Amino acid sequence: MDTIKYGLKFAAVGGLLYLLGLYLIHLGGLDFSSISDWWFRGILVFFVLITIVVKKGQNNGFLNFEEGFKVGMVTTVFLTVFIAIGTWLYCDYLNPMYTDNYKEQYRALHYEQMMREYIAKKWERDTITPGAIDTVQGGLDLNEKYVGHLFTTAGQVQSNFLHSFFWGIMISLTVALLARNVDED
């Protein structure tokens, strides 16, 4: 029970900082820069790591793998839920145009990449033709059928939930292995 309260406390702070950071990134106009990705990663790494390290400190420097992994996983579970809730609040209330803008950014990035691929490599030309534009737009439309769920709030929530849970497990495993220090009496 103490482990649950302990993990919940750190995860709640992490979830609030995640949402606040997203909002500040949005206010700075950096929604689609790598800083939002690094913010997501940093919150996960910092709060899972800090719970395991603080737990080790509470045990006078001794921590076995099981204890470390357990506290890391409890924090991961709660933090994953808070990140999912924060993503939902962000997409629906703090930045309701996020998913539409995300779709535009996705299309713009892939448009440039596909134009270079088709014009320079496939058609071996150095000018853009109307046929090239139509082909690329058609390819983007087709691609959007497969990834279109990501351009919804539900898709963003599910994506962040799955990513944070997976990376939380990996961080918990890694930190629990590195932080373990057992009494060898």
N, C-alpha and C. Protein backbone atom coordinates (compact mmCIF):
# COMPACT_ATOMS: atom_id res chain seq x y z
N MET A 1 0.82 -1.20 0.00
CA MET A 1 0.00 0.00 0.00
C MET A 1 0.87 1.27 0.00
N ASP A 2 1.97 1.22 0.73
CA ASP A 2 2.87 2.37 0.76
C ASP A 2 3.49 2.62 -0.62
N THR A 3 3.79 1.53 -1.32
CA THR A 3 4.37 1.65 -2.66
C THR A 3 3.39 2.34 -3.60
N ILE A 4 2.12 2.02 -3.47
CA ILE A 4 1.10 2.63 -4.33
C ILE A 4 0.98 4.12 -4.04
N LYS A 5 0.91 4.48 -2.76
CA LYS A 5 0.83 5.91 -2.40
C LYS A 5 2.08 6.66 -2.85
N TYR A 6 3.20 6.02 -2.66
CA TYR A 6 4.49 6.59 -3.03
C TYR A 6 4.56 6.85 -4.54
N GLY A 7 4.21 5.84 -5.33
CA GLY A 7 4.21 5.99 -6.79
C GLY A 7 3.18 6.99 -7.26
N LEU A 8 2.01 6.98 -6.64
CA LEU A 8 0.94 7.91 -7.02
C LEU A 8 1.36 9.37 -6.77
N LYS A 9 2.04 9.60 -5.68
CA LYS A 9 2.48 10.96 -5.34
C LYS A 9 3.44 11.50 -6.41
N PHE A 10 4.44 10.73 -6.76
CA PHE A 10 5.40 11.18 -7.76
C PHE A 10 4.75 11.28 -9.15
N ALA A 11 3.89 10.32 -9.48
CA ALA A 11 3.24 10.33 -10.79
C ALA A 11 2.29 11.52 -10.93
N ALA A 12 1.61 11.89 -9.86
CA ALA A 12 0.70 13.03 -9.92
C ALA A 12 1.47 14.32 -10.21
N VAL A 13 2.59 14.49 -9.56
CA VAL A 13 3.43 15.66 -9.83
C VAL A 13 3.93 15.62 -11.27
N GLY A 14 4.36 14.45 -11.71
CA GLY A 14 4.83 14.29 -13.09
C GLY A 14 3.74 14.59 -14.11
N GLY A 15 2.54 14.11 -13.85
CA GLY A 15 1.42 14.35 -14.76
C GLY A 15 1.07 15.83 -14.86
N LEU A 16 1.09 16.51 -13.72
CA LEU A 16 0.81 17.96 -13.74
C LEU A 16 1.91 18.72 -14.48
N LEU A 17 3.15 18.35 -14.24
CA LEU A 17 4.26 19.01 -14.95
C LEU A 17 4.22 18.73 -16.44
N TYR A 18 3.81 17.53 -16.82
CA TYR A 18 3.67 17.18 -18.23
C TYR A 18 2.65 18.10 -18.90
N LEU A 19 1.48 18.24 -18.29
CA LEU A 19 0.43 19.09 -18.86
C LEU A 19 0.86 20.55 -18.88
N LEU A 20 1.45 21.03 -17.82
CA LEU A 20 1.93 22.41 -17.77
C LEU A 20 2.99 22.65 -18.84
N GLY A 21 3.91 21.70 -18.99
CA GLY A 21 4.95 21.82 -20.01
C GLY A 21 4.37 21.85 -21.42
N LEU A 22 3.39 20.99 -21.69
CA LEU A 22 2.75 21.01 -23.01
C LEU A 22 2.12 22.36 -23.29
N TYR A 23 1.47 22.91 -22.29
CA TYR A 23 0.81 24.20 -22.48
C TYR A 23 1.83 25.31 -22.71
N LEU A 24 2.92 25.30 -21.96
CA LEU A 24 3.96 26.31 -22.14
C LEU A 24 4.64 26.16 -23.51
N ILE A 25 4.83 24.93 -23.94
CA ILE A 25 5.38 24.69 -25.27
C ILE A 25 4.44 25.24 -26.33
N HIS A 26 3.14 25.04 -26.13
CA HIS A 26 2.14 25.57 -27.06
C HIS A 26 2.18 27.10 -27.07
N LEU A 27 2.24 27.71 -25.91
CA LEU A 27 2.30 29.17 -25.85
C LEU A 27 3.53 29.71 -26.55
N GLY A 28 4.60 28.96 -26.53
CA GLY A 28 5.83 29.35 -27.21
C GLY A 28 5.81 29.06 -28.71
N GLY A 29 4.74 28.44 -29.18
CA GLY A 29 4.63 28.13 -30.61
C GLY A 29 5.52 26.98 -31.05
N LEU A 30 5.86 26.10 -30.13
CA LEU A 30 6.79 25.01 -30.44
C LEU A 30 6.10 23.64 -30.42
N ASP A 31 4.80 23.62 -30.71
CA ASP A 31 4.02 22.39 -30.64
C ASP A 31 4.63 21.24 -31.44
N PHE A 32 5.13 21.54 -32.61
CA PHE A 32 5.59 20.49 -33.51
C PHE A 32 7.10 20.47 -33.66
N SER A 33 7.77 20.95 -32.65
CA SER A 33 9.23 20.86 -32.63
C SER A 33 9.62 19.64 -31.81
N SER A 34 10.87 19.34 -31.79
CA SER A 34 11.32 18.18 -31.03
C SER A 34 11.26 18.41 -29.53
N ILE A 35 11.07 19.65 -29.11
CA ILE A 35 11.03 19.93 -27.67
C ILE A 35 9.85 19.24 -27.00
N SER A 36 8.72 19.11 -27.69
CA SER A 36 7.58 18.42 -27.07
C SER A 36 7.87 16.93 -26.92
N ASP A 37 8.58 16.34 -27.87
CA ASP A 37 8.98 14.93 -27.74
C ASP A 37 9.94 14.75 -26.58
N TRP A 38 10.89 15.66 -26.47
CA TRP A 38 11.86 15.56 -25.38
C TRP A 38 11.21 15.82 -24.03
N TRP A 39 10.20 16.67 -23.99
CA TRP A 39 9.48 16.92 -22.74
C TRP A 39 8.80 15.63 -22.28
N PHE A 40 8.13 14.95 -23.21
CA PHE A 40 7.46 13.68 -22.92
C PHE A 40 8.47 12.67 -22.36
N ARG A 41 9.58 12.51 -23.04
CA ARG A 41 10.61 11.56 -22.61
C ARG A 41 11.21 11.95 -21.27
N GLY A 42 11.49 13.23 -21.13
CA GLY A 42 12.11 13.72 -19.89
C GLY A 42 11.23 13.50 -18.67
N ILE A 43 9.95 13.75 -18.81
CA ILE A 43 9.03 13.53 -17.69
C ILE A 43 9.05 12.05 -17.28
N LEU A 44 8.97 11.17 -18.27
CA LEU A 44 8.99 9.74 -17.96
C LEU A 44 10.28 9.32 -17.27
N VAL A 45 11.38 9.68 -17.87
CA VAL A 45 12.68 9.28 -17.33
C VAL A 45 12.86 9.86 -15.92
N PHE A 46 12.63 11.14 -15.76
CA PHE A 46 12.89 11.78 -14.48
C PHE A 46 12.04 11.19 -13.36
N PHE A 47 10.74 11.06 -13.59
CA PHE A 47 9.88 10.65 -12.48
C PHE A 47 9.97 9.15 -12.16
N VAL A 48 10.21 8.31 -13.14
CA VAL A 48 10.43 6.89 -12.83
C VAL A 48 11.77 6.73 -12.14
N LEU A 49 12.79 7.40 -12.66
CA LEU A 49 14.12 7.33 -12.06
C LEU A 49 14.12 7.86 -10.63
N ILE A 50 13.50 9.01 -10.42
CA ILE A 50 13.56 9.63 -9.09
C ILE A 50 12.84 8.78 -8.04
N THR A 51 11.75 8.11 -8.42
CA THR A 51 11.06 7.27 -7.44
C THR A 51 11.93 6.10 -7.01
N ILE A 52 12.63 5.51 -7.95
CA ILE A 52 13.49 4.36 -7.62
C ILE A 52 14.68 4.82 -6.78
N VAL A 53 15.29 5.93 -7.15
CA VAL A 53 16.46 6.43 -6.42
C VAL A 53 16.08 6.88 -5.00
N VAL A 54 14.94 7.56 -4.87
CA VAL A 54 14.50 7.98 -3.53
C VAL A 54 14.17 6.76 -2.67
N LYS A 55 13.55 5.76 -3.27
CA LYS A 55 13.25 4.52 -2.54
C LYS A 55 14.54 3.87 -2.05
N LYS A 56 15.57 3.88 -2.89
CA LYS A 56 16.86 3.34 -2.49
C LYS A 56 17.42 4.14 -1.31
N GLY A 57 17.29 5.45 -1.36
CA GLY A 57 17.76 6.29 -0.27
C GLY A 57 17.01 6.02 1.03
N GLN A 58 15.72 5.75 0.93
CA GLN A 58 14.93 5.43 2.12
C GLN A 58 15.33 4.10 2.74
N ASN A 59 15.89 3.22 1.92
CA ASN A 59 16.35 1.91 2.40
C ASN A 59 17.83 1.92 2.76
N ASN A 60 18.37 3.09 3.08
CA ASN A 60 19.77 3.25 3.47
C ASN A 60 20.74 2.76 2.39
N GLY A 61 20.39 3.01 1.13
CA GLY A 61 21.27 2.67 0.03
C GLY A 61 21.14 1.25 -0.48
N PHE A 62 20.23 0.47 0.09
CA PHE A 62 20.04 -0.90 -0.36
C PHE A 62 18.72 -1.03 -1.09
N LEU A 63 18.78 -1.67 -2.24
CA LEU A 63 17.57 -1.86 -3.05
C LEU A 63 17.80 -3.08 -3.93
N ASN A 64 16.90 -4.04 -3.83
CA ASN A 64 17.02 -5.18 -4.74
C ASN A 64 16.23 -4.89 -6.01
N PHE A 65 16.43 -5.70 -7.01
CA PHE A 65 15.79 -5.48 -8.31
C PHE A 65 14.27 -5.48 -8.18
N GLU A 66 13.75 -6.42 -7.41
CA GLU A 66 12.29 -6.54 -7.30
C GLU A 66 11.66 -5.28 -6.71
N GLU A 67 12.24 -4.75 -5.64
CA GLU A 67 11.72 -3.52 -5.04
C GLU A 67 11.80 -2.35 -6.01
N GLY A 68 12.94 -2.23 -6.66
CA GLY A 68 13.12 -1.12 -7.60
C GLY A 68 12.18 -1.20 -8.78
N PHE A 69 12.03 -2.39 -9.33
CA PHE A 69 11.13 -2.56 -10.47
C PHE A 69 9.68 -2.33 -10.05
N LYS A 70 9.33 -2.81 -8.88
CA LYS A 70 7.95 -2.66 -8.39
C LYS A 70 7.58 -1.18 -8.23
N VAL A 71 8.44 -0.41 -7.59
CA VAL A 71 8.13 1.01 -7.40
C VAL A 71 8.17 1.75 -8.74
N GLY A 72 9.06 1.35 -9.63
CA GLY A 72 9.10 1.96 -10.96
C GLY A 72 7.85 1.66 -11.77
N MET A 73 7.35 0.44 -11.66
CA MET A 73 6.15 0.07 -12.40
C MET A 73 4.90 0.74 -11.84
N VAL A 74 4.82 0.85 -10.53
CA VAL A 74 3.66 1.54 -9.94
C VAL A 74 3.65 2.99 -10.42
N THR A 75 4.79 3.62 -10.39
CA THR A 75 4.89 4.99 -10.87
C THR A 75 4.56 5.06 -12.36
N THR A 76 5.04 4.11 -13.13
CA THR A 76 4.76 4.06 -14.57
C THR A 76 3.27 3.96 -14.83
N VAL A 77 2.59 3.08 -14.12
CA VAL A 77 1.15 2.89 -14.34
C VAL A 77 0.41 4.20 -14.07
N PHE A 78 0.68 4.81 -12.94
CA PHE A 78 -0.02 6.06 -12.61
C PHE A 78 0.39 7.19 -13.56
N LEU A 79 1.66 7.28 -13.86
CA LEU A 79 2.14 8.33 -14.76
C LEU A 79 1.56 8.17 -16.15
N THR A 80 1.42 6.93 -16.60
CA THR A 80 0.80 6.67 -17.90
C THR A 80 -0.63 7.17 -17.93
N VAL A 81 -1.37 6.92 -16.87
CA VAL A 81 -2.75 7.40 -16.79
C VAL A 81 -2.79 8.92 -16.77
N PHE A 82 -1.91 9.53 -15.99
CA PHE A 82 -1.89 11.00 -15.93
C PHE A 82 -1.46 11.63 -17.25
N ILE A 83 -0.54 11.00 -17.95
CA ILE A 83 -0.13 11.51 -19.26
C ILE A 83 -1.28 11.39 -20.25
N ALA A 84 -2.01 10.29 -20.20
CA ALA A 84 -3.16 10.12 -21.09
C ALA A 84 -4.23 11.17 -20.79
N ILE A 85 -4.51 11.41 -19.52
CA ILE A 85 -5.49 12.43 -19.14
C ILE A 85 -5.00 13.81 -19.55
N GLY A 86 -3.71 14.08 -19.33
CA GLY A 86 -3.13 15.36 -19.73
C GLY A 86 -3.20 15.58 -21.22
N THR A 87 -2.97 14.51 -21.99
CA THR A 87 -3.06 14.60 -23.45
C THR A 87 -4.49 14.92 -23.87
N TRP A 88 -5.45 14.28 -23.25
CA TRP A 88 -6.86 14.54 -23.55
C TRP A 88 -7.22 15.99 -23.23
N LEU A 89 -6.85 16.45 -22.04
CA LEU A 89 -7.14 17.84 -21.66
C LEU A 89 -6.48 18.82 -22.62
N TYR A 90 -5.25 18.53 -22.98
CA TYR A 90 -4.52 19.41 -23.88
C TYR A 90 -5.19 19.47 -25.26
N CYS A 91 -5.51 18.30 -25.81
CA CYS A 91 -6.07 18.25 -27.17
C CYS A 91 -7.50 18.79 -27.24
N ASP A 92 -8.27 18.61 -26.19
CA ASP A 92 -9.67 19.04 -26.24
C ASP A 92 -9.92 20.43 -25.66
N TYR A 93 -9.11 20.86 -24.70
CA TYR A 93 -9.42 22.11 -24.01
C TYR A 93 -8.33 23.18 -24.12
N LEU A 94 -7.08 22.81 -23.92
CA LEU A 94 -6.02 23.82 -23.94
C LEU A 94 -5.58 24.20 -25.34
N ASN A 95 -5.63 23.25 -26.27
CA ASN A 95 -5.25 23.51 -27.66
C ASN A 95 -6.15 22.70 -28.57
N PRO A 96 -7.43 23.11 -28.69
CA PRO A 96 -8.39 22.30 -29.45
C PRO A 96 -8.06 22.16 -30.94
N MET A 97 -7.17 22.96 -31.46
CA MET A 97 -6.78 22.85 -32.87
C MET A 97 -5.56 21.95 -33.06
N TYR A 98 -5.08 21.35 -31.98
CA TYR A 98 -3.84 20.55 -32.05
C TYR A 98 -3.93 19.44 -33.09
N THR A 99 -4.98 18.65 -33.07
CA THR A 99 -5.05 17.50 -33.98
C THR A 99 -5.15 17.95 -35.43
N ASP A 100 -5.88 19.04 -35.69
CA ASP A 100 -5.94 19.56 -37.06
C ASP A 100 -4.58 20.08 -37.51
N ASN A 101 -3.92 20.80 -36.62
CA ASN A 101 -2.58 21.32 -36.94
C ASN A 101 -1.56 20.19 -37.09
N TYR A 102 -1.73 19.15 -36.30
CA TYR A 102 -0.85 17.98 -36.39
C TYR A 102 -0.99 17.33 -37.76
N LYS A 103 -2.21 17.23 -38.23
CA LYS A 103 -2.46 16.66 -39.55
C LYS A 103 -1.79 17.50 -40.64
N GLU A 104 -1.92 18.82 -40.53
CA GLU A 104 -1.29 19.71 -41.51
C GLU A 104 0.24 19.57 -41.48
N GLN A 105 0.81 19.52 -40.30
CA GLN A 105 2.26 19.37 -40.17
C GLN A 105 2.73 18.03 -40.74
N TYR A 106 1.98 16.99 -40.48
CA TYR A 106 2.29 15.67 -41.00
C TYR A 106 2.29 15.68 -42.53
N ARG A 107 1.24 16.26 -43.11
CA ARG A 107 1.14 16.31 -44.57
C ARG A 107 2.26 17.16 -45.16
N ALA A 108 2.57 18.29 -44.54
CA ALA A 108 3.62 19.17 -45.06
C ALA A 108 4.98 18.46 -45.05
N LEU A 109 5.29 17.78 -43.96
CA LEU A 109 6.56 17.07 -43.86
C LEU A 109 6.65 15.97 -44.93
N HIS A 110 5.60 15.18 -45.04
CA HIS A 110 5.63 14.08 -45.99
C HIS A 110 5.50 14.56 -47.43
N TYR A 111 4.86 15.68 -47.64
CA TYR A 111 4.75 16.24 -48.99
C TYR A 111 6.14 16.55 -49.54
N GLU A 112 6.94 17.23 -48.73
CA GLU A 112 8.30 17.57 -49.14
C GLU A 112 9.13 16.32 -49.43
N GLN A 113 9.04 15.36 -48.54
CA GLN A 113 9.81 14.13 -48.72
C GLN A 113 9.38 13.37 -49.97
N MET A 114 8.07 13.28 -50.17
CA MET A 114 7.57 12.54 -51.33
C MET A 114 7.88 13.28 -52.64
N MET A 115 7.82 14.59 -52.63
CA MET A 115 8.15 15.35 -53.85
C MET A 115 9.60 15.12 -54.24
N ARG A 116 10.49 15.16 -53.29
CA ARG A 116 11.90 14.90 -53.59
C ARG A 116 12.08 13.48 -54.14
N GLU A 117 11.39 12.54 -53.53
CA GLU A 117 11.51 11.15 -53.95
C GLU A 117 11.00 10.96 -55.38
N TYR A 118 9.82 11.46 -55.67
CA TYR A 118 9.25 11.25 -56.99
C TYR A 118 9.95 12.05 -58.08
N ILE A 119 10.19 13.33 -57.83
CA ILE A 119 10.75 14.18 -58.89
C ILE A 119 12.21 13.84 -59.18
N ALA A 120 13.02 13.82 -58.16
CA ALA A 120 14.45 13.64 -58.39
C ALA A 120 14.83 12.19 -58.68
N LYS A 121 14.26 11.26 -57.95
CA LYS A 121 14.72 9.88 -58.07
C LYS A 121 13.90 9.05 -59.05
N LYS A 122 12.59 9.13 -58.93
CA LYS A 122 11.76 8.27 -59.77
C LYS A 122 11.60 8.82 -61.19
N TRP A 123 11.30 10.12 -61.29
CA TRP A 123 11.06 10.70 -62.61
C TRP A 123 12.30 11.37 -63.19
N GLU A 124 13.33 11.51 -62.39
CA GLU A 124 14.60 12.11 -62.81
C GLU A 124 14.41 13.47 -63.48
N ARG A 125 13.69 14.33 -62.81
CA ARG A 125 13.44 15.68 -63.31
C ARG A 125 13.90 16.68 -62.26
N ASP A 126 13.99 17.92 -62.69
CA ASP A 126 14.36 18.97 -61.74
C ASP A 126 13.27 20.03 -61.61
N THR A 127 12.10 19.78 -62.17
CA THR A 127 10.98 20.71 -62.05
C THR A 127 9.74 19.98 -61.55
N ILE A 128 8.86 20.74 -60.91
CA ILE A 128 7.62 20.18 -60.40
C ILE A 128 6.55 20.29 -61.49
N THR A 129 5.89 19.20 -61.76
CA THR A 129 4.83 19.20 -62.77
C THR A 129 3.49 19.01 -62.06
N PRO A 130 2.38 19.39 -62.71
CA PRO A 130 1.07 19.14 -62.10
C PRO A 130 0.82 17.66 -61.81
N GLY A 131 1.35 16.80 -62.65
CA GLY A 131 1.21 15.36 -62.41
C GLY A 131 1.90 14.92 -61.14
N ALA A 132 3.06 15.52 -60.87
CA ALA A 132 3.79 15.18 -59.65
C ALA A 132 2.99 15.61 -58.42
N ILE A 133 2.43 16.79 -58.48
CA ILE A 133 1.64 17.29 -57.34
C ILE A 133 0.45 16.38 -57.10
N ASP A 134 -0.25 16.01 -58.16
CA ASP A 134 -1.42 15.12 -58.02
C ASP A 134 -1.02 13.75 -57.47
N THR A 135 0.07 13.21 -57.95
CA THR A 135 0.54 11.90 -57.49
C THR A 135 0.88 11.95 -56.00
N VAL A 136 1.59 12.99 -55.60
CA VAL A 136 1.99 13.12 -54.19
C VAL A 136 0.76 13.33 -53.31
N GLN A 137 -0.16 14.19 -53.73
CA GLN A 137 -1.37 14.42 -52.94
C GLN A 137 -2.18 13.12 -52.80
N GLY A 138 -2.26 12.36 -53.88
CA GLY A 138 -2.96 11.08 -53.83
C GLY A 138 -2.29 10.11 -52.88
N GLY A 139 -0.97 10.09 -52.90
CA GLY A 139 -0.22 9.24 -51.97
C GLY A 139 -0.44 9.65 -50.53
N LEU A 140 -0.47 10.95 -50.28
CA LEU A 140 -0.73 11.44 -48.92
C LEU A 140 -2.14 11.08 -48.46
N ASP A 141 -3.10 11.20 -49.35
CA ASP A 141 -4.48 10.84 -49.01
C ASP A 141 -4.58 9.36 -48.66
N LEU A 142 -3.90 8.53 -49.45
CA LEU A 142 -3.91 7.09 -49.19
C LEU A 142 -3.22 6.77 -47.87
N ASN A 143 -2.10 7.41 -47.62
CA ASN A 143 -1.37 7.20 -46.37
C ASN A 143 -2.21 7.63 -45.16
N GLU A 144 -2.97 8.70 -45.34
CA GLU A 144 -3.78 9.22 -44.24
C GLU A 144 -4.85 8.23 -43.80
N LYS A 145 -5.29 7.36 -44.71
CA LYS A 145 -6.26 6.33 -44.33
C LYS A 145 -5.69 5.39 -43.28
N TYR A 146 -4.38 5.18 -43.33
CA TYR A 146 -3.74 4.25 -42.40
C TYR A 146 -3.35 4.90 -41.09
N VAL A 147 -3.03 6.17 -41.11
CA VAL A 147 -2.57 6.85 -39.89
C VAL A 147 -3.55 7.92 -39.43
N GLY A 148 -4.71 7.99 -40.04
CA GLY A 148 -5.68 9.04 -39.74
C GLY A 148 -6.15 9.06 -38.30
N HIS A 149 -6.11 7.92 -37.63
CA HIS A 149 -6.54 7.87 -36.23
C HIS A 149 -5.65 8.75 -35.34
N LEU A 150 -4.41 8.93 -35.75
CA LEU A 150 -3.50 9.78 -34.97
C LEU A 150 -3.92 11.25 -34.99
N PHE A 151 -4.76 11.62 -35.93
CA PHE A 151 -5.19 13.00 -36.06
C PHE A 151 -6.48 13.26 -35.30
N THR A 152 -6.76 12.43 -34.31
CA THR A 152 -7.91 12.61 -33.44
C THR A 152 -7.41 12.67 -31.99
N THR A 153 -8.24 13.20 -31.12
CA THR A 153 -7.87 13.24 -29.70
C THR A 153 -7.70 11.82 -29.17
N ALA A 154 -8.62 10.94 -29.53
CA ALA A 154 -8.52 9.55 -29.05
C ALA A 154 -7.22 8.90 -29.53
N GLY A 155 -6.83 9.17 -30.75
CA GLY A 155 -5.59 8.62 -31.27
C GLY A 155 -4.37 9.15 -30.53
N GLN A 156 -4.38 10.43 -30.21
CA GLN A 156 -3.27 11.01 -29.46
C GLN A 156 -3.20 10.43 -28.04
N VAL A 157 -4.36 10.29 -27.41
CA VAL A 157 -4.41 9.73 -26.06
C VAL A 157 -3.90 8.29 -26.06
N GLN A 158 -4.39 7.49 -27.00
CA GLN A 158 -3.96 6.09 -27.08
C GLN A 158 -2.48 5.98 -27.39
N SER A 159 -2.00 6.78 -28.31
CA SER A 159 -0.59 6.76 -28.67
C SER A 159 0.29 7.11 -27.47
N ASN A 160 -0.04 8.19 -26.78
CA ASN A 160 0.76 8.59 -25.62
C ASN A 160 0.64 7.59 -24.49
N PHE A 161 -0.53 6.98 -24.34
CA PHE A 161 -0.71 5.96 -23.31
C PHE A 161 0.22 4.77 -23.58
N LEU A 162 0.17 4.26 -24.80
CA LEU A 162 0.99 3.09 -25.14
C LEU A 162 2.48 3.40 -25.09
N HIS A 163 2.87 4.57 -25.62
CA HIS A 163 4.29 4.92 -25.60
C HIS A 163 4.79 5.12 -24.17
N SER A 164 4.02 5.81 -23.35
CA SER A 164 4.49 6.05 -21.98
C SER A 164 4.53 4.75 -21.19
N PHE A 165 3.59 3.85 -21.42
CA PHE A 165 3.62 2.58 -20.70
C PHE A 165 4.82 1.74 -21.13
N PHE A 166 5.04 1.63 -22.42
CA PHE A 166 6.19 0.86 -22.92
C PHE A 166 7.50 1.43 -22.41
N TRP A 167 7.69 2.75 -22.57
CA TRP A 167 8.96 3.34 -22.15
C TRP A 167 9.10 3.37 -20.64
N GLY A 168 7.99 3.45 -19.94
CA GLY A 168 8.04 3.37 -18.48
C GLY A 168 8.54 2.01 -18.02
N ILE A 169 8.10 0.95 -18.69
CA ILE A 169 8.58 -0.40 -18.37
C ILE A 169 10.09 -0.49 -18.63
N MET A 170 10.51 0.01 -19.78
CA MET A 170 11.94 -0.06 -20.12
C MET A 170 12.79 0.76 -19.14
N ILE A 171 12.31 1.92 -18.77
CA ILE A 171 13.04 2.76 -17.82
C ILE A 171 13.08 2.07 -16.45
N SER A 172 11.96 1.51 -16.02
CA SER A 172 11.91 0.81 -14.73
C SER A 172 12.88 -0.35 -14.69
N LEU A 173 12.91 -1.14 -15.76
CA LEU A 173 13.85 -2.26 -15.83
C LEU A 173 15.29 -1.78 -15.75
N THR A 174 15.60 -0.80 -16.55
CA THR A 174 16.97 -0.31 -16.62
C THR A 174 17.43 0.30 -15.30
N VAL A 175 16.63 1.19 -14.76
CA VAL A 175 17.02 1.88 -13.52
C VAL A 175 17.05 0.90 -12.35
N ALA A 176 16.09 -0.03 -12.29
CA ALA A 176 16.08 -1.01 -11.20
C ALA A 176 17.33 -1.88 -11.26
N LEU A 177 17.77 -2.24 -12.47
CA LEU A 177 19.00 -3.03 -12.60
C LEU A 177 20.23 -2.22 -12.19
N LEU A 178 20.28 -0.98 -12.61
CA LEU A 178 21.45 -0.16 -12.31
C LEU A 178 21.49 0.34 -10.87
N ALA A 179 20.33 0.53 -10.26
CA ALA A 179 20.27 1.11 -8.91
C ALA A 179 20.35 0.04 -7.82
N ARG A 180 20.23 -1.21 -8.20
CA ARG A 180 20.19 -2.24 -7.16
C ARG A 180 21.52 -2.30 -6.42
N ASN A 181 21.39 -2.48 -5.15
CA ASN A 181 22.54 -2.61 -4.26
C ASN A 181 22.04 -3.41 -3.08
N VAL A 182 22.39 -4.65 -3.03
CA VAL A 182 21.87 -5.52 -1.98
C VAL A 182 22.89 -5.73 -0.88
N ASP A 183 22.38 -5.94 0.29
CA ASP A 183 23.24 -6.22 1.43
C ASP A 183 23.80 -7.63 1.28
N GLU A 184 25.12 -7.74 1.29
CA GLU A 184 25.77 -9.03 1.03
C GLU A 184 26.21 -9.73 2.30
N ASP A 185 25.51 -9.51 3.40
CA ASP A 185 25.86 -10.20 4.67
C ASP A 185 25.55 -11.65 4.62
